[in-house]
């Protein structure tokens, strides 16, 4: 199993590095501009492919999917099912 946290952090830092002083787990990577709305669609597809999971519509509509720590926990839960 690949490291979920590493995969997520590498993806959101493709264009910009998150400052070391940032609490990465509470970071809203959309609001902070690390991933735009089109990029989010690509990111979701890559996460589903990488980890063999599928997000439901309600999960995709929930704002917590935009928070790094919440996204990592969601992926972990889905992989454990």
PDB file of N, CA and C in Angstrom:
ATOM      1  N   UNK A   1       0.852  -1.198   0.000  1.00  0.00           N
ATOM      2  CA  UNK A   1       0.000   0.000   0.000  1.00  0.00           C
ATOM      3  C   UNK A   1       0.886   1.245   0.000  1.00  0.00           C
ATOM      4  N   UNK A   2       0.574   2.155  -0.862  1.00  0.00           N
ATOM      5  CA  UNK A   2       1.354   3.383  -0.951  1.00  0.00           C
ATOM      6  C   UNK A   2       0.977   4.312   0.202  1.00  0.00           C
ATOM      7  N   UNK A   3       1.880   5.198   0.524  1.00  0.00           N
ATOM      8  CA  UNK A   3       1.652   6.134   1.607  1.00  0.00           C
ATOM      9  C   UNK A   3       0.673   7.222   1.146  1.00  0.00           C
ATOM     10  N   UNK A   4      -0.497   7.227   1.749  1.00  0.00           N
ATOM     11  CA  UNK A   4      -1.556   8.167   1.376  1.00  0.00           C
ATOM     12  C   UNK A   4      -1.111   9.605   1.604  1.00  0.00           C
ATOM     13  N   UNK A   5      -0.570   9.851   2.781  1.00  0.00           N
ATOM     14  CA  UNK A   5      -0.154  11.215   3.126  1.00  0.00           C
ATOM     15  C   UNK A   5       0.885  11.732   2.133  1.00  0.00           C
ATOM     16  N   UNK A   6       1.851  10.919   1.820  1.00  0.00           N
ATOM     17  CA  UNK A   6       2.909  11.320   0.888  1.00  0.00           C
ATOM     18  C   UNK A   6       2.324  11.630  -0.495  1.00  0.00           C
ATOM     19  N   UNK A   7       1.410  10.781  -0.963  1.00  0.00           N
ATOM     20  CA  UNK A   7       0.792  10.982  -2.269  1.00  0.00           C
ATOM     21  C   UNK A   7       0.019  12.303  -2.303  1.00  0.00           C
ATOM     22  N   UNK A   8      -0.795  12.547  -1.271  1.00  0.00           N
ATOM     23  CA  UNK A   8      -1.603  13.769  -1.209  1.00  0.00           C
ATOM     24  C   UNK A   8      -0.708  15.005  -1.152  1.00  0.00           C
ATOM     25  N   UNK A   9       0.286  14.990  -0.286  1.00  0.00           N
ATOM     26  CA  UNK A   9       1.168  16.149  -0.139  1.00  0.00           C
ATOM     27  C   UNK A   9       1.963  16.418  -1.412  1.00  0.00           C
ATOM     28  N   UNK A  10       2.438  15.381  -2.063  1.00  0.00           N
ATOM     29  CA  UNK A  10       3.164  15.572  -3.315  1.00  0.00           C
ATOM     30  C   UNK A  10       2.265  16.189  -4.375  1.00  0.00           C
ATOM     31  N   UNK A  11       1.013  15.750  -4.423  1.00  0.00           N
ATOM     32  CA  UNK A  11       0.094  16.273  -5.439  1.00  0.00           C
ATOM     33  C   UNK A  11      -0.195  17.753  -5.211  1.00  0.00           C
ATOM     34  N   UNK A  12      -0.536  18.115  -3.977  1.00  0.00           N
ATOM     35  CA  UNK A  12      -0.917  19.520  -3.748  1.00  0.00           C
ATOM     36  C   UNK A  12       0.278  20.464  -3.829  1.00  0.00           C
ATOM     37  N   UNK A  13       1.485  19.906  -3.757  1.00  0.00           N
ATOM     38  CA  UNK A  13       2.668  20.760  -3.837  1.00  0.00           C
ATOM     39  C   UNK A  13       3.330  20.711  -5.216  1.00  0.00           C
ATOM     40  N   UNK A  14       2.585  20.288  -6.230  1.00  0.00           N
ATOM     41  CA  UNK A  14       3.155  20.238  -7.588  1.00  0.00           C
ATOM     42  C   UNK A  14       3.604  21.617  -8.063  1.00  0.00           C
ATOM     43  N   UNK A  15       2.811  22.633  -7.784  1.00  0.00           N
ATOM     44  CA  UNK A  15       3.136  23.984  -8.253  1.00  0.00           C
ATOM     45  C   UNK A  15       3.775  24.843  -7.169  1.00  0.00           C
ATOM     46  N   UNK A  16       3.275  24.712  -5.933  1.00  0.00           N
ATOM     47  CA  UNK A  16       3.751  25.567  -4.839  1.00  0.00           C
ATOM     48  C   UNK A  16       4.035  24.709  -3.619  1.00  0.00           C
ATOM     49  N   UNK A  17       5.128  25.001  -2.945  1.00  0.00           N
ATOM     50  CA  UNK A  17       5.456  24.300  -1.716  1.00  0.00           C
ATOM     51  C   UNK A  17       4.700  24.933  -0.553  1.00  0.00           C
ATOM     52  N   UNK A  18       4.106  24.095   0.279  1.00  0.00           N
ATOM     53  CA  UNK A  18       3.411  24.576   1.467  1.00  0.00           C
ATOM     54  C   UNK A  18       4.469  25.027   2.474  1.00  0.00           C
ATOM     55  N   UNK A  19       4.349  26.258   3.010  1.00  0.00           N
ATOM     56  CA  UNK A  19       5.327  26.732   3.995  1.00  0.00           C
ATOM     57  C   UNK A  19       5.402  25.792   5.206  1.00  0.00           C
ATOM     58  N   UNK A  20       6.605  25.631   5.729  1.00  0.00           N
ATOM     59  CA  UNK A  20       6.815  24.732   6.869  1.00  0.00           C
ATOM     60  C   UNK A  20       6.005  25.133   8.093  1.00  0.00           C
ATOM     61  N   UNK A  21       5.661  26.408   8.209  1.00  0.00           N
ATOM     62  CA  UNK A  21       4.913  26.880   9.375  1.00  0.00           C
ATOM     63  C   UNK A  21       3.421  26.559   9.291  1.00  0.00           C
ATOM     64  N   UNK A  22       2.976  26.060   8.149  1.00  0.00           N
ATOM     65  CA  UNK A  22       1.560  25.746   7.936  1.00  0.00           C
ATOM     66  C   UNK A  22       1.194  24.427   8.602  1.00  0.00           C
ATOM     67  N   UNK A  23       0.039  24.401   9.279  1.00  0.00           N
ATOM     68  CA  UNK A  23      -0.498  23.138   9.795  1.00  0.00           C
ATOM     69  C   UNK A  23      -1.095  22.408   8.598  1.00  0.00           C
ATOM     70  N   UNK A  24      -0.334  21.497   8.043  1.00  0.00           N
ATOM     71  CA  UNK A  24      -0.703  20.833   6.794  1.00  0.00           C
ATOM     72  C   UNK A  24      -2.026  20.091   6.909  1.00  0.00           C
ATOM     73  N   UNK A  25      -2.328  19.545   8.074  1.00  0.00           N
ATOM     74  CA  UNK A  25      -3.539  18.732   8.226  1.00  0.00           C
ATOM     75  C   UNK A  25      -4.817  19.560   8.252  1.00  0.00           C
ATOM     76  N   UNK A  26      -4.712  20.846   8.560  1.00  0.00           N
ATOM     77  CA  UNK A  26      -5.903  21.700   8.546  1.00  0.00           C
ATOM     78  C   UNK A  26      -5.942  22.592   7.307  1.00  0.00           C
ATOM     79  N   UNK A  27      -4.992  22.406   6.403  1.00  0.00           N
ATOM     80  CA  UNK A  27      -4.895  23.221   5.196  1.00  0.00           C
ATOM     81  C   UNK A  27      -6.044  22.918   4.228  1.00  0.00           C
ATOM     82  N   UNK A  28      -6.751  23.968   3.807  1.00  0.00           N
ATOM     83  CA  UNK A  28      -7.752  23.835   2.744  1.00  0.00           C
ATOM     84  C   UNK A  28      -7.005  24.124   1.445  1.00  0.00           C
ATOM     85  N   UNK A  29      -6.621  23.067   0.759  1.00  0.00           N
ATOM     86  CA  UNK A  29      -5.751  23.213  -0.414  1.00  0.00           C
ATOM     87  C   UNK A  29      -6.451  23.878  -1.598  1.00  0.00           C
ATOM     88  N   UNK A  30      -7.772  23.926  -1.592  1.00  0.00           N
ATOM     89  CA  UNK A  30      -8.514  24.631  -2.642  1.00  0.00           C
ATOM     90  C   UNK A  30      -8.517  26.133  -2.348  1.00  0.00           C
ATOM     91  N   UNK A  31      -8.980  26.498  -1.144  1.00  0.00           N
ATOM     92  CA  UNK A  31      -9.048  27.916  -0.767  1.00  0.00           C
ATOM     93  C   UNK A  31      -7.678  28.583  -0.814  1.00  0.00           C
ATOM     94  N   UNK A  32      -6.631  27.827  -0.499  1.00  0.00           N
ATOM     95  CA  UNK A  32      -5.279  28.393  -0.471  1.00  0.00           C
ATOM     96  C   UNK A  32      -4.623  28.413  -1.857  1.00  0.00           C
ATOM     97  N   UNK A  33      -5.306  27.870  -2.864  1.00  0.00           N
ATOM     98  CA  UNK A  33      -4.818  27.966  -4.238  1.00  0.00           C
ATOM     99  C   UNK A  33      -3.821  26.907  -4.679  1.00  0.00           C
ATOM    100  N   UNK A  34      -3.659  25.839  -3.910  1.00  0.00           N
ATOM    101  CA  UNK A  34      -2.726  24.789  -4.309  1.00  0.00           C
ATOM    102  C   UNK A  34      -3.307  23.922  -5.431  1.00  0.00           C
ATOM    103  N   UNK A  35      -4.634  23.782  -5.440  1.00  0.00           N
ATOM    104  CA  UNK A  35      -5.330  23.021  -6.479  1.00  0.00           C
ATOM    105  C   UNK A  35      -6.562  23.827  -6.863  1.00  0.00           C
ATOM    106  N   UNK A  36      -6.775  24.038  -8.168  1.00  0.00           N
ATOM    107  CA  UNK A  36      -7.972  24.769  -8.586  1.00  0.00           C
ATOM    108  C   UNK A  36      -9.120  23.780  -8.812  1.00  0.00           C
ATOM    109  N   UNK A  37     -10.294  24.286  -9.197  1.00  0.00           N
ATOM    110  CA  UNK A  37     -11.467  23.418  -9.306  1.00  0.00           C
ATOM    111  C   UNK A  37     -11.293  22.340 -10.374  1.00  0.00           C
ATOM    112  N   UNK A  38     -10.681  22.670 -11.500  1.00  0.00           N
ATOM    113  CA  UNK A  38     -10.411  21.658 -12.516  1.00  0.00           C
ATOM    114  C   UNK A  38      -9.364  20.669 -12.004  1.00  0.00           C
ATOM    115  N   UNK A  39      -8.379  21.187 -11.322  1.00  0.00           N
ATOM    116  CA  UNK A  39      -7.347  20.328 -10.735  1.00  0.00           C
ATOM    117  C   UNK A  39      -7.920  19.368  -9.707  1.00  0.00           C
ATOM    118  N   UNK A  40      -8.974  19.802  -9.009  1.00  0.00           N
ATOM    119  CA  UNK A  40      -9.610  18.944  -8.004  1.00  0.00           C
ATOM    120  C   UNK A  40     -10.205  17.702  -8.671  1.00  0.00           C
ATOM    121  N   UNK A  41     -10.834  17.890  -9.818  1.00  0.00           N
ATOM    122  CA  UNK A  41     -11.413  16.753 -10.543  1.00  0.00           C
ATOM    123  C   UNK A  41     -10.310  15.756 -10.914  1.00  0.00           C
ATOM    124  N   UNK A  42      -9.198  16.265 -11.445  1.00  0.00           N
ATOM    125  CA  UNK A  42      -8.063  15.404 -11.794  1.00  0.00           C
ATOM    126  C   UNK A  42      -7.499  14.715 -10.552  1.00  0.00           C
ATOM    127  N   UNK A  43      -7.402  15.468  -9.456  1.00  0.00           N
ATOM    128  CA  UNK A  43      -6.869  14.942  -8.205  1.00  0.00           C
ATOM    129  C   UNK A  43      -7.733  13.786  -7.704  1.00  0.00           C
ATOM    130  N   UNK A  44      -9.045  13.958  -7.738  1.00  0.00           N
ATOM    131  CA  UNK A  44      -9.964  12.917  -7.282  1.00  0.00           C
ATOM    132  C   UNK A  44      -9.800  11.653  -8.129  1.00  0.00           C
ATOM    133  N   UNK A  45      -9.717  11.830  -9.439  1.00  0.00           N
ATOM    134  CA  UNK A  45      -9.535  10.684 -10.338  1.00  0.00           C
ATOM    135  C   UNK A  45      -8.212   9.968 -10.030  1.00  0.00           C
ATOM    136  N   UNK A  46      -7.161  10.742  -9.820  1.00  0.00           N
ATOM    137  CA  UNK A  46      -5.862  10.138  -9.499  1.00  0.00           C
ATOM    138  C   UNK A  46      -5.901   9.394  -8.170  1.00  0.00           C
ATOM    139  N   UNK A  47      -6.585   9.965  -7.168  1.00  0.00           N
ATOM    140  CA  UNK A  47      -6.706   9.291  -5.870  1.00  0.00           C
ATOM    141  C   UNK A  47      -7.474   7.978  -6.014  1.00  0.00           C
ATOM    142  N   UNK A  48      -8.566   8.022  -6.766  1.00  0.00           N
ATOM    143  CA  UNK A  48      -9.362   6.807  -6.960  1.00  0.00           C
ATOM    144  C   UNK A  48      -8.542   5.726  -7.662  1.00  0.00           C
ATOM    145  N   UNK A  49      -7.796   6.112  -8.683  1.00  0.00           N
ATOM    146  CA  UNK A  49      -6.956   5.160  -9.420  1.00  0.00           C
ATOM    147  C   UNK A  49      -5.818   4.625  -8.560  1.00  0.00           C
ATOM    148  N   UNK A  50      -5.156   5.523  -7.862  1.00  0.00           N
ATOM    149  CA  UNK A  50      -3.980   5.156  -7.066  1.00  0.00           C
ATOM    150  C   UNK A  50      -4.327   4.187  -5.936  1.00  0.00           C
ATOM    151  N   UNK A  51      -5.454   4.438  -5.266  1.00  0.00           N
ATOM    152  CA  UNK A  51      -5.783   3.677  -4.064  1.00  0.00           C
ATOM    153  C   UNK A  51      -6.932   2.691  -4.261  1.00  0.00           C
ATOM    154  N   UNK A  52      -7.457   2.588  -5.492  1.00  0.00           N
ATOM    155  CA  UNK A  52      -8.505   1.612  -5.768  1.00  0.00           C
ATOM    156  C   UNK A  52      -9.791   1.877  -5.011  1.00  0.00           C
ATOM    157  N   UNK A  53     -10.146   3.155  -4.895  1.00  0.00           N
ATOM    158  CA  UNK A  53     -11.354   3.545  -4.164  1.00  0.00           C
ATOM    159  C   UNK A  53     -12.259   4.345  -5.085  1.00  0.00           C
ATOM    160  N   UNK A  54     -13.473   4.617  -4.610  1.00  0.00           N
ATOM    161  CA  UNK A  54     -14.387   5.469  -5.349  1.00  0.00           C
ATOM    162  C   UNK A  54     -15.113   6.370  -4.354  1.00  0.00           C
ATOM    163  N   UNK A  55     -15.089   7.662  -4.628  1.00  0.00           N
ATOM    164  CA  UNK A  55     -15.767   8.623  -3.769  1.00  0.00           C
ATOM    165  C   UNK A  55     -17.230   8.736  -4.177  1.00  0.00           C
ATOM    166  N   UNK A  56     -18.111   8.820  -3.197  1.00  0.00           N
ATOM    167  CA  UNK A  56     -19.533   9.018  -3.476  1.00  0.00           C
ATOM    168  C   UNK A  56     -19.785  10.498  -3.764  1.00  0.00           C
ATOM    169  N   UNK A  57     -20.936  10.791  -4.356  1.00  0.00           N
ATOM    170  CA  UNK A  57     -21.298  12.187  -4.629  1.00  0.00           C
ATOM    171  C   UNK A  57     -21.330  12.995  -3.342  1.00  0.00           C
ATOM    172  N   UNK A  58     -21.876  12.409  -2.273  1.00  0.00           N
ATOM    173  CA  UNK A  58     -21.963  13.154  -1.003  1.00  0.00           C
ATOM    174  C   UNK A  58     -20.576  13.448  -0.434  1.00  0.00           C
ATOM    175  N   UNK A  59     -19.638  12.527  -0.603  1.00  0.00           N
ATOM    176  CA  UNK A  59     -18.266  12.770  -0.139  1.00  0.00           C
ATOM    177  C   UNK A  59     -17.623  13.891  -0.952  1.00  0.00           C
ATOM    178  N   UNK A  60     -17.888  13.897  -2.255  1.00  0.00           N
ATOM    179  CA  UNK A  60     -17.309  14.926  -3.109  1.00  0.00           C
ATOM    180  C   UNK A  60     -17.912  16.301  -2.838  1.00  0.00           C
ATOM    181  N   UNK A  61     -19.145  16.346  -2.384  1.00  0.00           N
ATOM    182  CA  UNK A  61     -19.806  17.621  -2.091  1.00  0.00           C
ATOM    183  C   UNK A  61     -19.444  18.157  -0.719  1.00  0.00           C
ATOM    184  N   UNK A  62     -18.952  17.294   0.160  1.00  0.00           N
ATOM    185  CA  UNK A  62     -18.607  17.698   1.521  1.00  0.00           C
ATOM    186  C   UNK A  62     -17.307  18.509   1.498  1.00  0.00           C
ATOM    187  N   UNK A  63     -17.308  19.643   2.187  1.00  0.00           N
ATOM    188  CA  UNK A  63     -16.118  20.506   2.210  1.00  0.00           C
ATOM    189  C   UNK A  63     -14.901  19.841   2.841  1.00  0.00           C
ATOM    190  N   UNK A  64     -15.108  18.823   3.662  1.00  0.00           N
ATOM    191  CA  UNK A  64     -13.970  18.185   4.328  1.00  0.00           C
ATOM    192  C   UNK A  64     -13.012  17.527   3.337  1.00  0.00           C
ATOM    193  N   UNK A  65     -13.484  17.240   2.129  1.00  0.00           N
ATOM    194  CA  UNK A  65     -12.599  16.630   1.116  1.00  0.00           C
ATOM    195  C   UNK A  65     -11.518  17.617   0.679  1.00  0.00           C
ATOM    196  N   UNK A  66     -11.717  18.898   0.994  1.00  0.00           N
ATOM    197  CA  UNK A  66     -10.759  19.942   0.619  1.00  0.00           C
ATOM    198  C   UNK A  66      -9.724  20.215   1.710  1.00  0.00           C
ATOM    199  N   UNK A  67      -9.854  19.527   2.840  1.00  0.00           N
ATOM    200  CA  UNK A  67      -8.923  19.688   3.964  1.00  0.00           C
ATOM    201  C   UNK A  67      -7.982  18.481   3.968  1.00  0.00           C
ATOM    202  N   UNK A  68      -6.699  18.726   3.945  1.00  0.00           N
ATOM    203  CA  UNK A  68      -5.700  17.652   3.804  1.00  0.00           C
ATOM    204  C   UNK A  68      -5.909  16.526   4.807  1.00  0.00           C
ATOM    205  N   UNK A  69      -5.988  16.858   6.084  1.00  0.00           N
ATOM    206  CA  UNK A  69      -6.120  15.828   7.121  1.00  0.00           C
ATOM    207  C   UNK A  69      -7.400  15.027   6.981  1.00  0.00           C
ATOM    208  N   UNK A  70      -8.504  15.708   6.687  1.00  0.00           N
ATOM    209  CA  UNK A  70      -9.790  15.022   6.515  1.00  0.00           C
ATOM    210  C   UNK A  70      -9.776  14.126   5.283  1.00  0.00           C
ATOM    211  N   UNK A  71      -9.152  14.588   4.216  1.00  0.00           N
ATOM    212  CA  UNK A  71      -9.050  13.791   2.992  1.00  0.00           C
ATOM    213  C   UNK A  71      -8.251  12.518   3.247  1.00  0.00           C
ATOM    214  N   UNK A  72      -7.135  12.635   3.947  1.00  0.00           N
ATOM    215  CA  UNK A  72      -6.305  11.465   4.261  1.00  0.00           C
ATOM    216  C   UNK A  72      -7.108  10.457   5.081  1.00  0.00           C
ATOM    217  N   UNK A  73      -7.839  10.939   6.094  1.00  0.00           N
ATOM    218  CA  UNK A  73      -8.655  10.041   6.932  1.00  0.00           C
ATOM    219  C   UNK A  73      -9.744   9.359   6.104  1.00  0.00           C
ATOM    220  N   UNK A  74     -10.369  10.098   5.194  1.00  0.00           N
ATOM    221  CA  UNK A  74     -11.417   9.541   4.344  1.00  0.00           C
ATOM    222  C   UNK A  74     -10.853   8.422   3.466  1.00  0.00           C
ATOM    223  N   UNK A  75      -9.703   8.661   2.862  1.00  0.00           N
ATOM    224  CA  UNK A  75      -9.075   7.635   2.019  1.00  0.00           C
ATOM    225  C   UNK A  75      -8.743   6.398   2.855  1.00  0.00           C
ATOM    226  N   UNK A  76      -8.204   6.608   4.057  1.00  0.00           N
ATOM    227  CA  UNK A  76      -7.865   5.478   4.935  1.00  0.00           C
ATOM    228  C   UNK A  76      -9.103   4.656   5.263  1.00  0.00           C
ATOM    229  N   UNK A  77     -10.218   5.352   5.569  1.00  0.00           N
ATOM    230  CA  UNK A  77     -11.474   4.646   5.889  1.00  0.00           C
ATOM    231  C   UNK A  77     -11.969   3.846   4.677  1.00  0.00           C
ATOM    232  N   UNK A  78     -11.903   4.457   3.507  1.00  0.00           N
ATOM    233  CA  UNK A  78     -12.400   3.789   2.301  1.00  0.00           C
ATOM    234  C   UNK A  78     -11.532   2.567   1.970  1.00  0.00           C
ATOM    235  N   UNK A  79     -10.261   2.651   2.206  1.00  0.00           N
ATOM    236  CA  UNK A  79      -9.374   1.517   1.915  1.00  0.00           C
ATOM    237  C   UNK A  79      -9.571   0.376   2.913  1.00  0.00           C
ATOM    238  N   UNK A  80     -10.024   0.709   4.099  1.00  0.00           N
ATOM    239  CA  UNK A  80     -10.220  -0.302   5.137  1.00  0.00           C
ATOM    240  C   UNK A  80     -11.531  -1.074   4.955  1.00  0.00           C
ATOM    241  N   UNK A  81     -12.396  -0.564   4.082  1.00  0.00           N
ATOM    242  CA  UNK A  81     -13.711  -1.217   3.879  1.00  0.00           C
ATOM    243  C   UNK A  81     -13.582  -2.504   3.117  1.00  0.00           C
TER     244      UNK A  81
END
